[in-house]
Amino acid sequence: MSDLVVVGRVVKAHGIRGEVVVEVLSNVPGRFDAGATVFLAGTRRTIAGSRPHQGRLLVRLDGVPDRTAAELLRGASLEAPAADVSDEDTYYAHELVGMAVVGEDGAALGVVRSLVELPEAAGYDLLEVARTDGSTWLLPAVDDYVEVEDAPDGGERLRLVDPPAGLVDGEPDVAAPDADG
């Protein structure tokens, strides 16, 4: 089942009827609706119900009858078949890793090495970009700063779009304070 992607993580048990608190990692509509299928540790489970709760979801899974069973799921990943996003401007994190990053002028800036997940409240994640000299820098993964474009070699690459001063070179666009005060 290599076409499965992580769509959520069980944070903890909730209540006494087998519900679990799930941190949602997918924005596919209906992913956690009653009747939807997910995989938990390789086992197919049907979602019996779900409801929002404090920025997360409370999810009831078939085969999880009580709190004791729900507690055993803490930290487990929920997986589901990857959604077809080929007609959208949406990319999975694993699709960005390894992608070249270029500046507005097309100059090479590095290659995406990994994704740094920030808390949901941040509203975005960071891409760790490795330069050819071995140093790295962090690029906010937001439409305001990057766009995916076709590369001359036929693949895809990330192009910076109107980056704020200091984003690429690490130098702040602020004068250093005087030593005299």
N, C-alpha and C. Protein backbone atom coordinates (compact mmCIF):
# COMPACT_ATOMS: atom_id res chain seq x y z
N MET A 1 0.83 -1.18 0.00
CA MET A 1 0.00 0.00 0.00
C MET A 1 0.87 1.24 0.00
N SER A 2 1.75 1.34 -0.95
CA SER A 2 2.68 2.46 -0.99
C SER A 2 2.03 3.75 -1.43
N ASP A 3 0.79 3.73 -1.88
CA ASP A 3 0.12 4.95 -2.31
C ASP A 3 -0.63 5.62 -1.16
N LEU A 4 -0.36 5.19 0.08
CA LEU A 4 -1.01 5.80 1.23
C LEU A 4 -0.19 6.99 1.72
N VAL A 5 -0.88 8.01 2.21
CA VAL A 5 -0.23 9.18 2.80
C VAL A 5 -0.81 9.38 4.20
N VAL A 6 0.00 9.98 5.07
CA VAL A 6 -0.46 10.28 6.43
C VAL A 6 -1.44 11.45 6.35
N VAL A 7 -2.65 11.24 6.89
CA VAL A 7 -3.68 12.29 6.85
C VAL A 7 -4.03 12.80 8.24
N GLY A 8 -3.51 12.13 9.27
CA GLY A 8 -3.77 12.57 10.63
C GLY A 8 -2.94 11.78 11.63
N ARG A 9 -2.85 12.34 12.85
CA ARG A 9 -2.15 11.66 13.93
C ARG A 9 -3.04 11.65 15.16
N VAL A 10 -3.10 10.49 15.82
CA VAL A 10 -3.88 10.38 17.05
C VAL A 10 -3.08 11.05 18.17
N VAL A 11 -3.70 12.05 18.79
CA VAL A 11 -3.04 12.79 19.87
C VAL A 11 -3.27 12.09 21.20
N LYS A 12 -4.53 11.70 21.45
CA LYS A 12 -4.87 11.06 22.72
C LYS A 12 -6.29 10.52 22.66
N ALA A 13 -6.67 9.77 23.67
CA ALA A 13 -8.04 9.29 23.80
C ALA A 13 -8.90 10.43 24.34
N HIS A 14 -10.21 10.34 24.06
CA HIS A 14 -11.14 11.35 24.56
C HIS A 14 -12.40 10.64 25.06
N GLY A 15 -12.74 10.88 26.30
CA GLY A 15 -13.95 10.28 26.85
C GLY A 15 -13.81 8.78 27.06
N ILE A 16 -14.98 8.12 27.25
CA ILE A 16 -14.97 6.69 27.58
C ILE A 16 -15.51 5.80 26.47
N ARG A 17 -15.93 6.40 25.35
CA ARG A 17 -16.57 5.63 24.28
C ARG A 17 -15.66 5.36 23.07
N GLY A 18 -14.35 5.47 23.25
CA GLY A 18 -13.42 5.10 22.19
C GLY A 18 -13.07 6.21 21.21
N GLU A 19 -13.50 7.43 21.48
CA GLU A 19 -13.12 8.52 20.58
C GLU A 19 -11.64 8.86 20.78
N VAL A 20 -11.02 9.35 19.70
CA VAL A 20 -9.64 9.82 19.78
C VAL A 20 -9.58 11.25 19.24
N VAL A 21 -8.65 12.02 19.80
CA VAL A 21 -8.38 13.36 19.30
C VAL A 21 -7.38 13.21 18.16
N VAL A 22 -7.71 13.77 17.00
CA VAL A 22 -6.85 13.63 15.82
C VAL A 22 -6.36 15.00 15.36
N GLU A 23 -5.06 15.10 15.17
CA GLU A 23 -4.47 16.28 14.53
C GLU A 23 -4.57 16.02 13.03
N VAL A 24 -5.35 16.83 12.34
CA VAL A 24 -5.61 16.62 10.92
C VAL A 24 -4.43 17.14 10.10
N LEU A 25 -3.94 16.32 9.18
CA LEU A 25 -2.83 16.68 8.31
C LEU A 25 -3.23 16.65 6.84
N SER A 26 -4.51 16.78 6.58
CA SER A 26 -5.04 16.72 5.22
C SER A 26 -6.10 17.80 5.06
N ASN A 27 -6.17 18.37 3.89
CA ASN A 27 -7.24 19.33 3.62
C ASN A 27 -8.21 18.80 2.56
N VAL A 28 -8.21 17.49 2.36
CA VAL A 28 -9.11 16.87 1.39
C VAL A 28 -10.51 16.80 2.01
N PRO A 29 -11.50 17.42 1.38
CA PRO A 29 -12.87 17.38 1.93
C PRO A 29 -13.37 15.95 2.08
N GLY A 30 -14.05 15.67 3.19
CA GLY A 30 -14.65 14.36 3.41
C GLY A 30 -13.70 13.30 3.92
N ARG A 31 -12.44 13.64 4.10
CA ARG A 31 -11.43 12.67 4.51
C ARG A 31 -11.79 11.97 5.83
N PHE A 32 -12.46 12.71 6.75
CA PHE A 32 -12.79 12.16 8.06
C PHE A 32 -14.29 12.06 8.29
N ASP A 33 -15.07 12.06 7.23
CA ASP A 33 -16.52 11.91 7.36
C ASP A 33 -16.87 10.48 7.73
N ALA A 34 -18.02 10.31 8.38
CA ALA A 34 -18.51 8.97 8.72
C ALA A 34 -18.58 8.13 7.44
N GLY A 35 -18.07 6.91 7.51
CA GLY A 35 -18.06 6.01 6.37
C GLY A 35 -16.76 6.02 5.59
N ALA A 36 -15.93 7.04 5.78
CA ALA A 36 -14.64 7.10 5.09
C ALA A 36 -13.72 6.03 5.65
N THR A 37 -12.77 5.61 4.86
CA THR A 37 -11.83 4.57 5.26
C THR A 37 -10.45 5.17 5.49
N VAL A 38 -9.81 4.75 6.57
CA VAL A 38 -8.42 5.11 6.85
C VAL A 38 -7.69 3.83 7.24
N PHE A 39 -6.38 3.91 7.26
CA PHE A 39 -5.57 2.77 7.67
C PHE A 39 -4.79 3.16 8.92
N LEU A 40 -4.83 2.29 9.89
CA LEU A 40 -4.18 2.51 11.18
C LEU A 40 -3.27 1.31 11.42
N ALA A 41 -1.95 1.55 11.40
CA ALA A 41 -0.98 0.46 11.54
C ALA A 41 -1.24 -0.65 10.52
N GLY A 42 -1.58 -0.26 9.30
CA GLY A 42 -1.81 -1.21 8.22
C GLY A 42 -3.17 -1.88 8.21
N THR A 43 -4.01 -1.57 9.22
CA THR A 43 -5.34 -2.16 9.30
C THR A 43 -6.39 -1.17 8.82
N ARG A 44 -7.25 -1.63 7.93
CA ARG A 44 -8.32 -0.77 7.41
C ARG A 44 -9.34 -0.52 8.51
N ARG A 45 -9.69 0.75 8.72
CA ARG A 45 -10.70 1.13 9.70
C ARG A 45 -11.69 2.07 9.03
N THR A 46 -12.95 1.95 9.41
CA THR A 46 -13.99 2.85 8.92
C THR A 46 -14.26 3.89 9.99
N ILE A 47 -14.39 5.12 9.56
CA ILE A 47 -14.71 6.19 10.50
C ILE A 47 -16.21 6.12 10.81
N ALA A 48 -16.52 5.92 12.09
CA ALA A 48 -17.91 5.82 12.53
C ALA A 48 -18.52 7.21 12.76
N GLY A 49 -17.68 8.19 13.00
CA GLY A 49 -18.16 9.55 13.21
C GLY A 49 -17.00 10.47 13.52
N SER A 50 -17.21 11.76 13.31
CA SER A 50 -16.19 12.76 13.65
C SER A 50 -16.87 14.09 13.92
N ARG A 51 -16.20 14.90 14.73
CA ARG A 51 -16.72 16.23 15.03
C ARG A 51 -15.56 17.13 15.44
N PRO A 52 -15.67 18.42 15.16
CA PRO A 52 -14.60 19.34 15.54
C PRO A 52 -14.52 19.49 17.06
N HIS A 53 -13.30 19.72 17.54
CA HIS A 53 -13.08 19.91 18.96
C HIS A 53 -11.77 20.65 19.18
N GLN A 54 -11.84 21.90 19.60
CA GLN A 54 -10.68 22.71 19.95
C GLN A 54 -9.59 22.71 18.87
N GLY A 55 -9.99 22.95 17.64
CA GLY A 55 -9.04 23.03 16.54
C GLY A 55 -8.57 21.70 15.99
N ARG A 56 -9.09 20.61 16.53
CA ARG A 56 -8.77 19.27 16.05
C ARG A 56 -10.07 18.55 15.78
N LEU A 57 -10.00 17.25 15.57
CA LEU A 57 -11.20 16.45 15.37
C LEU A 57 -11.28 15.36 16.44
N LEU A 58 -12.49 15.08 16.88
CA LEU A 58 -12.75 13.88 17.66
C LEU A 58 -13.26 12.85 16.67
N VAL A 59 -12.63 11.69 16.65
CA VAL A 59 -12.95 10.67 15.66
C VAL A 59 -13.27 9.36 16.37
N ARG A 60 -14.36 8.74 15.93
CA ARG A 60 -14.72 7.39 16.37
C ARG A 60 -14.41 6.43 15.23
N LEU A 61 -13.64 5.39 15.53
CA LEU A 61 -13.27 4.40 14.53
C LEU A 61 -13.93 3.08 14.87
N ASP A 62 -14.44 2.40 13.84
CA ASP A 62 -14.98 1.06 14.06
C ASP A 62 -13.88 0.19 14.67
N GLY A 63 -14.26 -0.63 15.63
CA GLY A 63 -13.30 -1.53 16.25
C GLY A 63 -12.56 -0.93 17.44
N VAL A 64 -12.91 0.31 17.80
CA VAL A 64 -12.31 0.96 18.97
C VAL A 64 -13.48 1.26 19.92
N PRO A 65 -13.83 0.29 20.78
CA PRO A 65 -15.06 0.40 21.56
C PRO A 65 -15.00 1.26 22.82
N ASP A 66 -13.77 1.47 23.37
CA ASP A 66 -13.71 2.16 24.66
C ASP A 66 -12.40 2.92 24.81
N ARG A 67 -12.30 3.60 25.94
CA ARG A 67 -11.11 4.41 26.21
C ARG A 67 -9.84 3.56 26.24
N THR A 68 -9.91 2.38 26.80
CA THR A 68 -8.73 1.51 26.88
C THR A 68 -8.19 1.23 25.49
N ALA A 69 -9.04 0.89 24.55
CA ALA A 69 -8.62 0.64 23.17
C ALA A 69 -8.11 1.92 22.52
N ALA A 70 -8.76 3.05 22.81
CA ALA A 70 -8.35 4.33 22.23
C ALA A 70 -6.98 4.76 22.74
N GLU A 71 -6.69 4.51 24.01
CA GLU A 71 -5.40 4.87 24.59
C GLU A 71 -4.25 4.18 23.86
N LEU A 72 -4.48 2.98 23.38
CA LEU A 72 -3.43 2.23 22.68
C LEU A 72 -3.06 2.87 21.34
N LEU A 73 -3.91 3.76 20.85
CA LEU A 73 -3.68 4.40 19.54
C LEU A 73 -2.88 5.69 19.64
N ARG A 74 -2.61 6.16 20.84
CA ARG A 74 -1.89 7.44 21.02
C ARG A 74 -0.61 7.46 20.17
N GLY A 75 -0.46 8.52 19.39
CA GLY A 75 0.73 8.68 18.55
C GLY A 75 0.67 7.98 17.20
N ALA A 76 -0.37 7.18 16.97
CA ALA A 76 -0.47 6.44 15.71
C ALA A 76 -0.82 7.37 14.55
N SER A 77 -0.36 7.02 13.38
CA SER A 77 -0.69 7.78 12.17
C SER A 77 -1.90 7.17 11.49
N LEU A 78 -2.76 8.02 10.99
CA LEU A 78 -3.89 7.60 10.17
C LEU A 78 -3.48 7.84 8.72
N GLU A 79 -3.63 6.83 7.89
CA GLU A 79 -3.25 6.94 6.49
C GLU A 79 -4.47 6.71 5.61
N ALA A 80 -4.40 7.26 4.41
CA ALA A 80 -5.47 7.10 3.43
C ALA A 80 -4.84 7.18 2.04
N PRO A 81 -5.54 6.69 1.03
CA PRO A 81 -5.01 6.81 -0.33
C PRO A 81 -4.77 8.28 -0.68
N ALA A 82 -3.68 8.53 -1.37
CA ALA A 82 -3.35 9.89 -1.78
C ALA A 82 -4.44 10.42 -2.70
N ALA A 83 -4.85 11.65 -2.45
CA ALA A 83 -5.84 12.29 -3.32
C ALA A 83 -5.16 12.75 -4.60
N ASP A 84 -5.88 12.73 -5.70
CA ASP A 84 -5.34 13.20 -6.97
C ASP A 84 -5.37 14.72 -6.97
N VAL A 85 -4.18 15.33 -6.87
CA VAL A 85 -4.10 16.78 -6.87
C VAL A 85 -3.44 17.28 -8.15
N SER A 86 -3.41 16.44 -9.18
CA SER A 86 -2.73 16.80 -10.41
C SER A 86 -3.37 17.99 -11.12
N ASP A 87 -4.65 18.24 -10.90
CA ASP A 87 -5.30 19.37 -11.54
C ASP A 87 -5.31 20.61 -10.67
N GLU A 88 -4.62 20.56 -9.55
CA GLU A 88 -4.60 21.68 -8.61
C GLU A 88 -3.18 22.18 -8.43
N ASP A 89 -3.04 23.36 -7.89
CA ASP A 89 -1.73 23.89 -7.55
C ASP A 89 -1.40 23.49 -6.12
N THR A 90 -1.47 22.19 -5.85
CA THR A 90 -1.22 21.64 -4.53
C THR A 90 -0.16 20.58 -4.64
N TYR A 91 0.75 20.55 -3.67
CA TYR A 91 1.83 19.57 -3.68
C TYR A 91 1.93 18.94 -2.30
N TYR A 92 2.25 17.65 -2.27
CA TYR A 92 2.57 16.99 -1.02
C TYR A 92 4.00 17.37 -0.66
N ALA A 93 4.29 17.36 0.64
CA ALA A 93 5.63 17.73 1.10
C ALA A 93 6.70 16.88 0.42
N HIS A 94 6.46 15.57 0.28
CA HIS A 94 7.47 14.70 -0.32
C HIS A 94 7.73 15.06 -1.79
N GLU A 95 6.81 15.76 -2.43
CA GLU A 95 7.01 16.18 -3.82
C GLU A 95 7.92 17.40 -3.90
N LEU A 96 8.02 18.18 -2.82
CA LEU A 96 8.86 19.37 -2.82
C LEU A 96 10.31 19.03 -2.45
N VAL A 97 10.49 18.00 -1.62
CA VAL A 97 11.84 17.62 -1.22
C VAL A 97 12.61 17.15 -2.46
N GLY A 98 13.79 17.73 -2.64
CA GLY A 98 14.62 17.43 -3.80
C GLY A 98 14.44 18.42 -4.95
N MET A 99 13.46 19.31 -4.82
CA MET A 99 13.19 20.29 -5.87
C MET A 99 14.21 21.44 -5.79
N ALA A 100 14.71 21.87 -6.94
CA ALA A 100 15.62 23.02 -7.00
C ALA A 100 14.87 24.30 -6.66
N VAL A 101 15.58 25.24 -6.05
CA VAL A 101 15.02 26.55 -5.72
C VAL A 101 15.84 27.59 -6.47
N VAL A 102 15.16 28.49 -7.17
CA VAL A 102 15.84 29.56 -7.91
C VAL A 102 15.27 30.90 -7.48
N GLY A 103 16.10 31.94 -7.67
CA GLY A 103 15.67 33.30 -7.35
C GLY A 103 14.78 33.85 -8.44
N GLU A 104 14.36 35.08 -8.25
CA GLU A 104 13.51 35.74 -9.26
C GLU A 104 14.21 35.82 -10.61
N ASP A 105 15.55 35.94 -10.57
CA ASP A 105 16.32 36.04 -11.80
C ASP A 105 16.69 34.68 -12.39
N GLY A 106 16.28 33.60 -11.75
CA GLY A 106 16.57 32.26 -12.23
C GLY A 106 17.86 31.67 -11.70
N ALA A 107 18.59 32.44 -10.88
CA ALA A 107 19.85 31.94 -10.32
C ALA A 107 19.58 30.84 -9.29
N ALA A 108 20.39 29.79 -9.33
CA ALA A 108 20.22 28.66 -8.40
C ALA A 108 20.49 29.10 -6.97
N LEU A 109 19.58 28.74 -6.07
CA LEU A 109 19.71 29.08 -4.65
C LEU A 109 19.87 27.85 -3.77
N GLY A 110 19.63 26.67 -4.31
CA GLY A 110 19.78 25.45 -3.54
C GLY A 110 18.74 24.42 -3.89
N VAL A 111 18.62 23.41 -3.03
CA VAL A 111 17.69 22.31 -3.23
C VAL A 111 16.95 22.08 -1.92
N VAL A 112 15.64 21.84 -2.00
CA VAL A 112 14.85 21.58 -0.80
C VAL A 112 15.31 20.26 -0.20
N ARG A 113 15.76 20.31 1.06
CA ARG A 113 16.26 19.12 1.74
C ARG A 113 15.17 18.48 2.60
N SER A 114 14.33 19.31 3.24
CA SER A 114 13.29 18.74 4.10
C SER A 114 12.21 19.78 4.36
N LEU A 115 11.13 19.30 4.95
CA LEU A 115 10.02 20.15 5.37
C LEU A 115 10.07 20.25 6.88
N VAL A 116 9.96 21.47 7.40
CA VAL A 116 9.91 21.70 8.84
C VAL A 116 8.47 22.08 9.16
N GLU A 117 7.77 21.18 9.86
CA GLU A 117 6.37 21.42 10.20
C GLU A 117 6.28 22.35 11.40
N LEU A 118 5.53 23.42 11.25
CA LEU A 118 5.28 24.36 12.34
C LEU A 118 3.90 24.06 12.93
N PRO A 119 3.63 24.56 14.13
CA PRO A 119 2.29 24.37 14.70
C PRO A 119 1.23 24.97 13.76
N GLU A 120 0.04 24.38 13.79
CA GLU A 120 -1.03 24.80 12.89
C GLU A 120 -1.31 26.29 13.00
N ALA A 121 -1.13 26.86 14.19
CA ALA A 121 -1.41 28.28 14.39
C ALA A 121 -0.53 29.18 13.52
N ALA A 122 0.65 28.69 13.12
CA ALA A 122 1.54 29.48 12.27
C ALA A 122 0.91 29.71 10.90
N GLY A 123 0.17 28.73 10.40
CA GLY A 123 -0.48 28.87 9.11
C GLY A 123 0.38 28.47 7.92
N TYR A 124 1.60 28.04 8.16
CA TYR A 124 2.48 27.61 7.08
C TYR A 124 3.58 26.73 7.65
N ASP A 125 4.31 26.06 6.78
CA ASP A 125 5.48 25.28 7.17
C ASP A 125 6.70 25.91 6.51
N LEU A 126 7.88 25.39 6.85
CA LEU A 126 9.12 25.90 6.29
C LEU A 126 9.79 24.83 5.44
N LEU A 127 10.46 25.25 4.39
CA LEU A 127 11.27 24.35 3.57
C LEU A 127 12.73 24.61 3.92
N GLU A 128 13.46 23.56 4.29
CA GLU A 128 14.89 23.70 4.55
C GLU A 128 15.60 23.55 3.21
N VAL A 129 16.31 24.60 2.81
CA VAL A 129 16.99 24.61 1.51
C VAL A 129 18.49 24.51 1.73
N ALA A 130 19.12 23.52 1.08
CA ALA A 130 20.57 23.32 1.18
C ALA A 130 21.25 24.03 0.02
N ARG A 131 22.22 24.85 0.36
CA ARG A 131 23.03 25.53 -0.66
C ARG A 131 24.17 24.61 -1.09
N THR A 132 24.82 24.96 -2.18
CA THR A 132 25.93 24.14 -2.68
C THR A 132 27.12 24.17 -1.73
N ASP A 133 27.26 25.22 -0.89
CA ASP A 133 28.37 25.29 0.06
C ASP A 133 28.10 24.50 1.34
N GLY A 134 26.94 23.83 1.41
CA GLY A 134 26.61 23.01 2.58
C GLY A 134 25.78 23.73 3.63
N SER A 135 25.67 25.04 3.54
CA SER A 135 24.84 25.78 4.50
C SER A 135 23.37 25.61 4.13
N THR A 136 22.49 25.95 5.05
CA THR A 136 21.05 25.84 4.80
C THR A 136 20.37 27.14 5.17
N TRP A 137 19.18 27.33 4.65
CA TRP A 137 18.32 28.45 5.02
C TRP A 137 16.88 27.98 4.97
N LEU A 138 16.01 28.69 5.66
CA LEU A 138 14.61 28.29 5.75
C LEU A 138 13.74 29.20 4.90
N LEU A 139 12.88 28.58 4.12
CA LEU A 139 12.00 29.29 3.20
C LEU A 139 10.55 29.02 3.60
N PRO A 140 9.78 30.05 3.93
CA PRO A 140 8.36 29.82 4.23
C PRO A 140 7.66 29.22 3.01
N ALA A 141 6.93 28.14 3.21
CA ALA A 141 6.23 27.46 2.11
C ALA A 141 4.85 28.11 1.94
N VAL A 142 4.86 29.33 1.41
CA VAL A 142 3.62 30.07 1.19
C VAL A 142 3.60 30.61 -0.24
N ASP A 143 2.42 30.71 -0.79
CA ASP A 143 2.26 31.19 -2.16
C ASP A 143 2.82 32.61 -2.36
N ASP A 144 2.86 33.40 -1.29
CA ASP A 144 3.37 34.77 -1.41
C ASP A 144 4.86 34.80 -1.77
N TYR A 145 5.61 33.74 -1.45
CA TYR A 145 7.05 33.75 -1.66
C TYR A 145 7.55 32.75 -2.70
N VAL A 146 6.81 31.69 -2.96
CA VAL A 146 7.29 30.68 -3.90
C VAL A 146 6.18 30.24 -4.85
N GLU A 147 6.60 29.85 -6.02
CA GLU A 147 5.66 29.22 -6.96
C GLU A 147 6.42 28.11 -7.68
N VAL A 148 5.69 27.07 -8.05
CA VAL A 148 6.28 25.96 -8.77
C VAL A 148 6.20 26.28 -10.26
N GLU A 149 7.31 26.07 -10.94
CA GLU A 149 7.34 26.31 -12.38
C GLU A 149 8.06 25.17 -13.07
N ASP A 150 7.87 25.07 -14.36
CA ASP A 150 8.58 24.06 -15.15
C ASP A 150 10.04 24.46 -15.26
N ALA A 151 10.91 23.50 -15.02
CA ALA A 151 12.35 23.72 -15.14
C ALA A 151 12.79 23.45 -16.57
N PRO A 152 13.88 24.07 -17.01
CA PRO A 152 14.35 23.84 -18.38
C PRO A 152 14.64 22.37 -18.68
N ASP A 153 15.00 21.58 -17.65
CA ASP A 153 15.32 20.16 -17.87
C ASP A 153 14.08 19.28 -17.95
N GLY A 154 12.88 19.88 -17.85
CA GLY A 154 11.64 19.12 -17.96
C GLY A 154 10.98 18.81 -16.64
N GLY A 155 11.70 18.98 -15.53
CA GLY A 155 11.10 18.74 -14.21
C GLY A 155 10.40 20.01 -13.72
N GLU A 156 10.33 20.12 -12.42
CA GLU A 156 9.75 21.32 -11.81
C GLU A 156 10.73 21.88 -10.80
N ARG A 157 10.60 23.18 -10.54
CA ARG A 157 11.43 23.84 -9.55
C ARG A 157 10.63 24.93 -8.85
N LEU A 158 11.14 25.38 -7.72
CA LEU A 158 10.51 26.47 -6.98
C LEU A 158 11.20 27.78 -7.33
N ARG A 159 10.40 28.78 -7.67
CA ARG A 159 10.94 30.11 -7.94
C ARG A 159 10.47 31.06 -6.86
N LEU A 160 11.41 31.84 -6.31
CA LEU A 160 11.04 32.87 -5.34
C LEU A 160 10.25 33.96 -6.04
N VAL A 161 9.26 34.48 -5.36
CA VAL A 161 8.42 35.54 -5.90
C VAL A 161 8.44 36.70 -4.91
N ASP A 162 9.03 37.79 -5.27
CA ASP A 162 9.07 39.00 -4.44
C ASP A 162 9.41 38.69 -2.98
N PRO A 163 10.58 38.06 -2.76
CA PRO A 163 10.94 37.70 -1.38
C PRO A 163 11.28 38.95 -0.55
N PRO A 164 10.97 38.93 0.73
CA PRO A 164 11.33 40.06 1.58
C PRO A 164 12.85 40.13 1.73
N ALA A 165 13.36 41.32 2.00
CA ALA A 165 14.79 41.51 2.17
C ALA A 165 15.30 40.59 3.27
N GLY A 166 16.44 39.96 3.03
CA GLY A 166 17.06 39.11 4.02
C GLY A 166 16.61 37.66 4.01
N LEU A 167 15.60 37.32 3.22
CA LEU A 167 15.09 35.95 3.22
C LEU A 167 16.13 34.96 2.69
N VAL A 168 16.82 35.33 1.62
CA VAL A 168 17.74 34.41 0.98
C VAL A 168 19.14 34.50 1.57
N ASP A 169 19.65 35.71 1.74
CA ASP A 169 21.03 35.84 2.18
C ASP A 169 21.20 35.81 3.69
N GLY A 170 20.10 35.83 4.41
CA GLY A 170 20.18 35.76 5.87
C GLY A 170 20.54 37.07 6.53
N GLU A 171 20.78 38.08 5.75
CA GLU A 171 21.12 39.39 6.31
C GLU A 171 19.84 40.18 6.56
N PRO A 172 19.61 40.62 7.76
CA PRO A 172 18.41 41.41 8.02
C PRO A 172 18.50 42.76 7.32
N ASP A 173 17.36 43.28 6.96
CA ASP A 173 17.26 44.58 6.30
C ASP A 173 17.09 45.66 7.36
N VAL A 174 17.90 45.56 8.41
CA VAL A 174 17.82 46.48 9.52
C VAL A 174 19.22 46.91 9.88
N ALA A 175 19.42 48.20 10.11
CA ALA A 175 20.74 48.69 10.49
C ALA A 175 21.04 48.21 11.91
N ALA A 176 22.29 47.81 12.13
CA ALA A 176 22.69 47.39 13.47
C ALA A 176 22.70 48.60 14.39
N PRO A 177 22.30 48.41 15.64
CA PRO A 177 22.30 49.55 16.56
C PRO A 177 23.71 50.03 16.82
N ASP A 178 23.86 51.33 17.08
CA ASP A 178 25.16 51.90 17.39
C ASP A 178 25.69 51.32 18.69
N ALA A 179 26.97 51.14 18.77
CA ALA A 179 27.57 50.63 20.00
C ALA A 179 27.49 51.68 21.11
N ASP A 180 27.35 52.95 20.71
CA ASP A 180 27.29 54.04 21.70
C ASP A 180 25.92 54.19 22.32
N GLY A 181 24.90 53.56 21.76
CA GLY A 181 23.59 53.63 22.39
C GLY A 181 22.60 54.25 21.53
